[in-house]
């Protein structure tokens, strides 16, 4: 049966991409979001190959690539910046290079995706102007756990090139682990570092200069860098019990969350959009009935369980739960990276 209209709640990247994919096929879309403006807080910025494929299907990959950066390699380092392992990102087969990893802050992706006419509507709910879709479906519980760790995400201009930092740098240390990745062409970096678990937000802001001086190369003081955004993250690993209840289907952060090391939450969410689009088109074209939405839920939950959750946990563990002096020899993933350097 042809679909007359799809209502998408949330104008995040997944909602916008799904809306674009459906609209390109002539399906009417209502897109609702609680905010009137784009979220400018530091959030994920890395779109791995499967996400780049979906951006291409939505017709925006060329714009994203023109505005963003194609990272050439990831490097894991000791706190003194010595290299432990390297993963090249520019050795994809020729036929797959178009869909290589691209980096662009989510706010800028939103600007590309929302380029066009917009209207505003107020939707009142029993709990105020706030999305409660998952809570209404399953109650207050969200299966999984909140990790005993605090992450602080900052966007900053700082001369990392002086210390031979590359596109993406992960620092291995039990207390001073962090990510430093270039996210814009003009040299803006995302620095995401650990802090004491669950401090008050004001304390996080007060501690930031001290933490930068403790962890970053050159021990910079506030006059040595320019921070544009700072935001604390709660580190969580959670997945909804189902991604489909009747006519309501969940995707991305509404369906699953993971810690941000590795970008698997963002990539997984965007690939949710592509998979859901395929399922909805199957219904729209009469190739499947609505049971395909149960299959969508089954497959995407399995991918979260088998790929996203364990890999993101391992990415986090790799930074804080091993000795950087022996990690190159003892970590199985690093041993593969070393092997790949010559093969």
Protein backbone atom coordinates (compact mmCIF):
# COMPACT_ATOMS: atom_id res chain seq x y z
CA UNK A 1 0.00 0.00 0.00
CA UNK A 2 1.52 3.38 -0.97
CA UNK A 3 2.55 5.57 1.93
CA UNK A 4 0.73 8.89 2.06
CA UNK A 5 2.78 10.58 4.76
CA UNK A 6 5.59 9.84 7.21
CA UNK A 7 5.97 11.91 10.40
CA UNK A 8 9.59 12.19 11.57
CA UNK A 9 10.17 13.39 15.13
CA UNK A 10 13.57 15.13 15.50
CA UNK A 11 15.53 17.08 12.93
CA UNK A 12 18.82 15.45 13.82
CA UNK A 13 20.99 14.00 11.06
CA UNK A 14 19.10 10.71 10.93
CA UNK A 15 15.68 12.37 10.75
CA UNK A 16 16.82 14.83 8.09
CA UNK A 17 18.49 12.15 5.96
CA UNK A 18 15.48 9.85 6.18
CA UNK A 19 13.23 12.77 5.25
CA UNK A 20 15.37 13.60 2.23
CA UNK A 21 15.43 9.98 1.05
CA UNK A 22 11.64 9.67 1.33
CA UNK A 23 10.89 13.08 -0.20
CA UNK A 24 13.07 12.26 -3.22
CA UNK A 25 10.66 9.35 -3.84
CA UNK A 26 7.60 11.60 -3.69
CA UNK A 27 6.51 10.62 -0.16
CA UNK A 28 5.14 13.54 1.90
CA UNK A 29 7.12 14.08 5.11
CA UNK A 30 6.27 16.10 8.24
CA UNK A 31 9.48 16.81 10.18
CA UNK A 32 9.02 17.91 13.81
CA UNK A 33 11.74 19.08 16.22
CA UNK A 34 11.61 20.64 19.69
CA UNK A 35 14.23 23.27 18.84
CA UNK A 36 13.88 26.23 16.49
CA UNK A 37 17.62 26.36 15.72
CA UNK A 38 20.45 23.92 15.04
CA UNK A 39 22.32 22.44 18.00
CA UNK A 40 25.80 24.03 18.09
CA UNK A 41 27.19 21.95 20.98
CA UNK A 42 30.20 19.69 20.26
CA UNK A 43 28.87 16.42 18.94
CA UNK A 44 30.04 13.65 16.65
CA UNK A 45 31.71 14.64 13.39
CA UNK A 46 33.06 11.42 11.80
CA UNK A 47 31.01 9.67 9.09
CA UNK A 48 32.44 6.24 8.34
CA UNK A 49 32.06 4.56 4.97
CA UNK A 50 28.51 3.16 5.54
CA UNK A 51 27.31 6.63 6.58
CA UNK A 52 28.96 8.23 3.55
CA UNK A 53 27.02 5.78 1.36
CA UNK A 54 23.72 6.97 2.87
CA UNK A 55 24.73 10.63 2.50
CA UNK A 56 25.34 9.83 -1.16
CA UNK A 57 21.90 8.27 -1.57
CA UNK A 58 20.38 11.37 0.02
CA UNK A 59 22.15 13.50 -2.58
CA UNK A 60 24.32 15.52 -0.16
CA UNK A 61 27.66 13.68 -0.12
CA UNK A 62 29.30 16.05 -2.62
CA UNK A 63 28.30 19.05 -0.49
CA UNK A 64 29.53 17.33 2.68
CA UNK A 65 32.83 16.35 1.07
CA UNK A 66 33.36 19.86 -0.34
CA UNK A 67 32.81 21.40 3.08
CA UNK A 68 34.39 18.64 5.18
CA UNK A 69 37.67 16.74 5.42
CA UNK A 70 38.70 13.26 4.29
CA UNK A 71 40.97 11.99 7.06
CA UNK A 72 44.00 10.02 5.89
CA UNK A 73 44.90 8.14 9.08
CA UNK A 74 44.23 7.54 12.74
CA UNK A 75 47.08 7.42 15.24
CA UNK A 76 47.20 6.08 18.80
CA UNK A 77 49.82 7.74 20.98
CA UNK A 78 51.36 7.75 24.42
CA UNK A 79 50.76 10.83 26.55
CA UNK A 80 54.19 12.14 25.45
CA UNK A 81 52.88 11.97 21.81
CA UNK A 82 55.05 8.94 20.83
CA UNK A 83 53.20 6.84 18.23
CA UNK A 84 51.91 3.42 19.34
CA UNK A 85 49.97 2.38 16.21
CA UNK A 86 48.65 3.85 12.97
CA UNK A 87 45.59 3.00 10.88
CA UNK A 88 45.63 4.40 7.32
CA UNK A 89 42.23 5.47 6.03
CA UNK A 90 43.16 6.30 2.42
CA UNK A 91 43.89 2.81 1.08
CA UNK A 92 40.37 1.87 0.06
CA UNK A 93 39.84 0.16 -3.31
CA UNK A 94 39.22 2.63 -6.11
CA UNK A 95 35.56 1.66 -6.45
CA UNK A 96 34.96 2.48 -2.74
CA UNK A 97 36.96 5.70 -2.41
CA UNK A 98 33.89 7.86 -2.99
CA UNK A 99 32.50 6.51 0.27
CA UNK A 100 35.64 6.93 2.38
CA UNK A 101 35.34 8.51 5.83
CA UNK A 102 34.42 12.20 5.81
CA UNK A 103 34.57 14.57 8.78
CA UNK A 104 32.23 17.52 9.31
CA UNK A 105 30.67 18.88 12.54
CA UNK A 106 27.03 17.88 12.89
CA UNK A 107 25.91 21.50 13.01
CA UNK A 108 27.37 22.09 9.56
CA UNK A 109 25.81 18.88 8.24
CA UNK A 110 22.49 20.14 9.56
CA UNK A 111 22.93 23.38 7.63
CA UNK A 112 23.40 21.39 4.42
CA UNK A 113 20.46 19.09 5.11
CA UNK A 114 18.10 21.92 6.11
CA UNK A 115 18.88 24.16 3.15
CA UNK A 116 15.41 25.03 1.93
CA UNK A 117 12.03 26.39 3.00
CA UNK A 118 10.98 25.76 6.61
CA UNK A 119 7.89 26.37 8.74
CA UNK A 120 7.44 26.30 12.50
CA UNK A 121 4.73 24.54 14.48
CA UNK A 122 4.21 24.19 18.24
CA UNK A 123 3.26 20.72 19.48
CA UNK A 124 2.15 20.49 23.11
CA UNK A 125 2.61 17.20 24.97
CA UNK A 126 1.61 16.13 28.45
CA UNK A 127 5.19 16.77 29.60
CA UNK A 128 5.69 20.12 27.86
CA UNK A 129 7.51 20.69 24.57
CA UNK A 130 9.74 17.63 24.78
CA UNK A 131 10.01 14.44 22.77
CA UNK A 132 8.85 11.46 24.82
CA UNK A 133 8.41 8.87 22.08
CA UNK A 134 10.63 6.14 23.53
CA UNK A 135 9.37 6.79 27.08
CA UNK A 136 5.75 6.54 25.93
CA UNK A 137 6.49 3.22 24.21
CA UNK A 138 8.55 1.50 26.90
CA UNK A 139 8.33 3.54 30.10
CA UNK A 140 11.24 5.30 31.85
CA UNK A 141 13.67 2.38 31.57
CA UNK A 142 16.26 2.31 28.79
CA UNK A 143 18.10 -1.05 28.88
CA UNK A 144 21.86 -0.78 29.27
CA UNK A 145 24.19 1.16 31.52
CA UNK A 146 25.74 4.53 32.21
CA UNK A 147 29.53 4.11 32.28
CA UNK A 148 31.43 5.29 35.33
CA UNK A 149 33.25 7.94 33.35
CA UNK A 150 32.78 11.58 32.41
CA UNK A 151 33.68 12.88 28.97
CA UNK A 152 34.11 16.57 28.15
CA UNK A 153 33.87 17.51 24.48
CA UNK A 154 35.49 20.77 23.35
CA UNK A 155 36.01 22.47 19.99
CA UNK A 156 39.29 24.36 20.00
CA UNK A 157 41.83 26.12 17.81
CA UNK A 158 45.30 24.99 18.90
CA UNK A 159 48.51 24.32 16.98
CA UNK A 160 48.60 20.52 17.20
CA UNK A 161 50.62 20.38 13.98
CA UNK A 162 53.59 21.69 15.96
CA UNK A 163 53.62 18.31 17.72
CA UNK A 164 53.20 16.26 14.52
CA UNK A 165 49.57 15.39 15.26
CA UNK A 166 47.68 13.93 12.31
CA UNK A 167 43.98 13.98 11.40
CA UNK A 168 42.75 11.83 14.29
CA UNK A 169 44.80 11.17 17.44
CA UNK A 170 43.88 8.93 20.37
CA UNK A 171 45.99 9.23 23.54
CA UNK A 172 46.31 6.14 25.74
CA UNK A 173 46.43 6.85 29.47
CA UNK A 174 44.40 5.63 32.49
CA UNK A 175 43.50 9.16 33.64
CA UNK A 176 44.55 11.52 30.85
CA UNK A 177 43.14 9.70 27.81
CA UNK A 178 41.69 11.91 25.09
CA UNK A 179 40.85 12.33 21.41
CA UNK A 180 42.21 15.19 19.31
CA UNK A 181 40.78 15.28 15.78
CA UNK A 182 40.73 18.03 13.18
CA UNK A 183 37.11 18.66 12.19
CA UNK A 184 37.19 21.71 9.90
CA UNK A 185 39.38 22.93 7.07
CA UNK A 186 40.37 26.07 8.99
CA UNK A 187 42.02 24.05 11.76
CA UNK A 188 39.29 23.58 14.39
CA UNK A 189 39.94 20.47 16.51
CA UNK A 190 37.63 18.32 18.57
CA UNK A 191 39.30 17.51 21.89
CA UNK A 192 37.32 15.05 24.01
CA UNK A 193 38.89 14.16 27.35
CA UNK A 194 38.03 12.34 30.54
CA UNK A 195 37.25 13.98 33.85
CA UNK A 196 36.13 12.88 37.30
CA UNK A 197 32.79 11.03 37.06
CA UNK A 198 29.71 13.26 37.04
CA UNK A 199 31.02 16.57 38.38
CA UNK A 200 28.77 19.62 38.30
CA UNK A 201 28.80 21.41 34.92
CA UNK A 202 30.26 24.58 36.46
CA UNK A 203 33.11 22.53 37.89
CA UNK A 204 33.80 21.04 34.46
CA UNK A 205 34.20 24.55 33.01
CA UNK A 206 36.45 25.62 35.90
CA UNK A 207 38.64 22.52 35.53
CA UNK A 208 39.03 22.78 31.75
CA UNK A 209 42.19 25.00 31.76
CA UNK A 210 43.86 22.70 34.27
CA UNK A 211 42.92 19.57 32.29
CA UNK A 212 44.24 21.05 29.03
CA UNK A 213 47.52 21.92 30.73
CA UNK A 214 47.75 18.38 32.14
CA UNK A 215 46.98 16.44 28.98
CA UNK A 216 47.72 18.41 25.80
CA UNK A 217 51.17 18.61 24.21
CA UNK A 218 52.99 21.79 25.17
CA UNK A 219 50.93 22.12 28.40
CA UNK A 220 49.04 25.12 26.97
CA UNK A 221 47.58 27.91 29.05
CA UNK A 222 44.32 29.72 28.15
CA UNK A 223 46.07 32.33 26.00
CA UNK A 224 47.58 29.58 23.83
CA UNK A 225 44.27 28.31 22.41
CA UNK A 226 40.75 29.43 21.55
CA UNK A 227 37.80 27.29 22.67
CA UNK A 228 34.59 27.77 20.71
CA UNK A 229 32.38 25.19 22.49
CA UNK A 230 32.50 22.97 25.57
CA UNK A 231 29.98 20.34 26.63
CA UNK A 232 29.98 17.38 29.07
CA UNK A 233 28.88 13.93 27.89
CA UNK A 234 27.34 11.14 29.89
CA UNK A 235 28.93 7.92 28.64
CA UNK A 236 26.19 5.38 27.98
CA UNK A 237 25.69 2.02 26.28
CA UNK A 238 21.95 1.46 25.79
CA UNK A 239 19.55 -0.08 23.29
CA UNK A 240 15.74 -0.06 23.17
CA UNK A 241 14.02 -3.47 23.52
CA UNK A 242 12.49 -3.02 20.06
CA UNK A 243 12.79 -0.46 17.29
CA UNK A 244 9.18 -0.93 16.17
CA UNK A 245 5.87 -0.69 18.05
CA UNK A 246 2.84 -0.53 15.75
CA UNK A 247 3.20 2.50 13.49
CA UNK A 248 6.07 3.95 15.52
CA UNK A 249 9.61 3.07 14.46
CA UNK A 250 12.78 4.15 16.28
CA UNK A 251 16.20 4.96 14.85
CA UNK A 252 19.52 6.49 15.94
CA UNK A 253 19.69 8.01 19.45
CA UNK A 254 16.01 7.25 20.07
CA UNK A 255 16.87 3.57 19.58
CA UNK A 256 20.46 3.20 20.82
CA UNK A 257 23.38 5.14 22.27
CA UNK A 258 27.05 4.36 22.80
CA UNK A 259 30.16 6.21 23.91
CA UNK A 260 31.50 8.50 21.16
CA UNK A 261 34.98 6.97 20.69
CA UNK A 262 34.98 5.67 17.13
CA UNK A 263 31.91 7.53 15.83
CA UNK A 264 29.80 4.36 15.83
CA UNK A 265 26.74 6.05 17.29
CA UNK A 266 26.59 8.62 14.49
CA UNK A 267 27.41 6.16 11.71
CA UNK A 268 25.03 3.56 13.16
CA UNK A 269 22.23 6.11 13.37
CA UNK A 270 22.66 7.26 9.78
CA UNK A 271 22.71 3.66 8.56
CA UNK A 272 19.48 3.13 10.54
CA UNK A 273 17.99 5.83 8.32
CA UNK A 274 19.09 4.04 5.16
CA UNK A 275 17.78 0.68 6.34
CA UNK A 276 14.47 2.18 7.45
CA UNK A 277 14.14 3.97 4.11
CA UNK A 278 14.59 0.65 2.27
CA UNK A 279 11.95 -0.99 4.48
CA UNK A 280 9.46 1.85 4.00
CA UNK A 281 10.02 1.83 0.25
CA UNK A 282 9.33 -1.89 0.22
CA UNK A 283 5.93 -1.13 1.74
CA UNK A 284 5.34 1.91 -0.51
CA UNK A 285 6.05 -0.06 -3.69
CA UNK A 286 4.00 -3.10 -2.65
CA UNK A 287 7.07 -5.34 -2.40
CA UNK A 288 6.56 -6.06 1.33
CA UNK A 289 3.96 -5.66 4.06
CA UNK A 290 4.55 -3.91 7.37
CA UNK A 291 6.25 -6.98 8.84
CA UNK A 292 9.41 -5.71 7.15
CA UNK A 293 9.55 -3.09 9.92
CA UNK A 294 9.91 -5.94 12.43
CA UNK A 295 12.79 -7.23 10.30
CA UNK A 296 14.33 -3.73 10.35
CA UNK A 297 14.11 -3.77 14.15
CA UNK A 298 15.58 -7.26 14.39
CA UNK A 299 18.52 -6.59 12.08
CA UNK A 300 19.44 -3.14 13.43
CA UNK A 301 19.26 -4.34 17.08
CA UNK A 302 21.50 -7.28 16.19
CA UNK A 303 24.03 -4.92 14.58
CA UNK A 304 24.01 -2.76 17.72
CA UNK A 305 24.53 -5.85 19.90
CA UNK A 306 27.15 -7.57 17.71
CA UNK A 307 29.04 -4.57 16.29
CA UNK A 308 28.32 -1.13 17.74
CA UNK A 309 28.19 -1.96 21.45
CA UNK A 310 31.24 -4.25 21.67
CA UNK A 311 33.38 -2.19 19.29
CA UNK A 312 32.62 1.14 21.00
CA UNK A 313 33.32 -0.39 24.42
CA UNK A 314 36.60 -1.77 23.12
CA UNK A 315 37.57 1.59 21.62
CA UNK A 316 37.07 3.19 25.04
CA UNK A 317 38.83 0.39 26.92
CA UNK A 318 41.78 0.62 24.54
CA UNK A 319 42.51 4.18 25.70
CA UNK A 320 42.21 3.87 29.46
CA UNK A 321 42.69 0.25 30.53
CA UNK A 322 46.10 -0.75 29.18
CA UNK A 323 49.73 0.23 29.46
CA UNK A 324 50.70 2.42 26.51
CA UNK A 325 54.28 1.09 26.74
CA UNK A 326 53.18 -2.48 25.94
CA UNK A 327 49.94 -1.85 24.00
CA UNK A 328 51.58 -2.19 20.57
CA UNK A 329 52.56 -5.77 21.36
CA UNK A 330 49.62 -6.81 23.57
CA UNK A 331 46.56 -5.28 21.91
CA UNK A 332 45.21 -7.51 19.12
CA UNK A 333 43.89 -4.53 17.13
CA UNK A 334 47.24 -2.75 17.32
CA UNK A 335 49.00 -5.92 16.17
CA UNK A 336 46.76 -5.88 13.09
CA UNK A 337 47.62 -2.20 12.51
CA UNK A 338 51.33 -3.04 12.70
CA UNK A 339 50.83 -5.90 10.25
CA UNK A 340 48.95 -3.59 7.88
CA UNK A 341 51.83 -1.08 7.87
CA UNK A 342 53.79 -3.56 5.73
CA UNK A 343 50.91 -5.29 3.99
